[in-house]
């Protein structure tokens, strides 16, 4: 459903053309596939040329059912892009299921944030996702524009982004999932914050940073830190996955999944201490998306959200 005048829910026409709005101007599109739709935007929030893109994966029956659907925002990991989950079998995992899946660009090292400083122009991924893309989706596709109609999930950097968005915008998402995503960014002297700063500076921001360096924007770190926003997860479905045995030879896997596992354990213990239920999995292996876990997550999202 779309937001009509005065914020009233209004059903989008099954044949309505997908158009511009909410600060987004479509500069490229491919709507030939009956399920997977691709759009690229020009937006003042992101200074890319060409701009950021999104894949919108529709249910098999979307074009003739006339139904309204819940939506899952699925966020990619670091050094990935909006196509990444298409390479992780998202079409097969959602075949026949009543769910729209939205997979946007988040920057190679964007960290689902508006950076404290950029030397390459605007890279305001949080603004793009929350203030522009979310209402654009709800204006152009038959989705439930309400708390019980939305879920957010992601892998690695995207798992952090999902936890962050679900807490910071607590009224937006009824389900949140993190597949090998950090849930505690201050632990170990702020290892994840340092990693976000260093990777964003080196890859995306030409020396700028997400949280500021050498000094952090402490308020921003606190606002983004899942373990410090624990009450924001109450009454949500919470789903967590972490690997217990990263490759000891691969330093990247070892650093990332060791931090993920420790942070998720801290996060889970904090949830338990205040009586917030969650589904959590510690499983063998390192830093990657597990197909069975993503499928279980998708089924859990459908069970939690408003039915199509």
Foldseek 3Di string as FASTA:
>chain_A
DAQDPPRDDDFDDLPDDQADDLQWHWPDWDPPDPFWIKTWTDGLQAPDVRHKMKIKGAAPCSNPPSDAAFEEEEEEAAQDFRCVVVVVVPCVLCHNHRYIYMRIGCYNLNLLAFAPAFPPHHNGNVCCVPRGPLNSCRRGGRFDQFALRYAYEYAASSLLNQLLCCLLVVGRYQEHEYELYFQAQPPPNRPNQVVSFVVCCVGPRVNTGRQDPPDGPVVVCLSSHNLNRLVSNANHEYEYEAEDEEDPVDVVQVVSRVNRVVRVVSSVVSCVVVVGDYHYYYYHYTRDDDSVSVSVRVVVSCVRGDHD
